């Protein structure tokens, strides 16, 4: 099926060359029409998603991702990963990436690209623990990424390694100081009804770091949340002898 793929690429090139939004919109509509009759052109769906993202049509890009998610073809699954991730749907991106990694028939290079998206999404959600375990589990695929011809991919692998090393360094520090963890947890219970902790190490400040993810109700005013955070920090500072960086993030941790 080489001809259809060339056709979708030609339309995409037309989109890139377009100077006005109107011209880009016209190219977008042309590719949409083409894919209605050539739905097996999997690379065409990826190009359509990229066009939608560039035009800021994120909801439509997510619809394309959902369509690709329902397919079994590895290229379609990778497109779903990329579009979900680009549109900020981290949970969906992680789920599809995991599915692609576990698809036996998928080529290793596609599995590696899915792993890259999965690791970045996990780090963005500060799930360093899951990312660390996943990296150990998929070392062979990660080595493929490190040898990539793309400078951007190699740069991202270094970023991933650095973040995981900081997490492991911070975790070791807090394992040696359970008293600090206990103090932070007990104090947090007084101010936050539901929370989780994650550990890392601040490379900028050279300090072990705890991040508290505190769930809040939608009805709780912002002023009350800020006051809680302030009082929490003041009380922890009085109790702790060790210098540690403690941050609070409000909102549900969905990854």
Foldseek 3Di string as FASTA:
>chain_A
DVVLLVVLVVLLVQLVPDDDVVSNVVSLVVLVVSCVVVVVNLVSLLSSLVSCVVVVVLVVSQVSLVVLLPDDDLSSLLSNLVSCLSSPVLVSNLVSLVVSLPPPPHDLQSNLSSLLSNLVSCVVLVVLVVSLVVCVVPVVSLVVQCPDPDPVSVVSSVVSVVFNVQQVVLVVVCVVPVVLVVLLVVLVVVQAVDWDWGWGADPVVRFTEIEIEGEDDPPDDPVSVVVSVVVSVVVSVVVDPDDHHYYYHYHDSDD
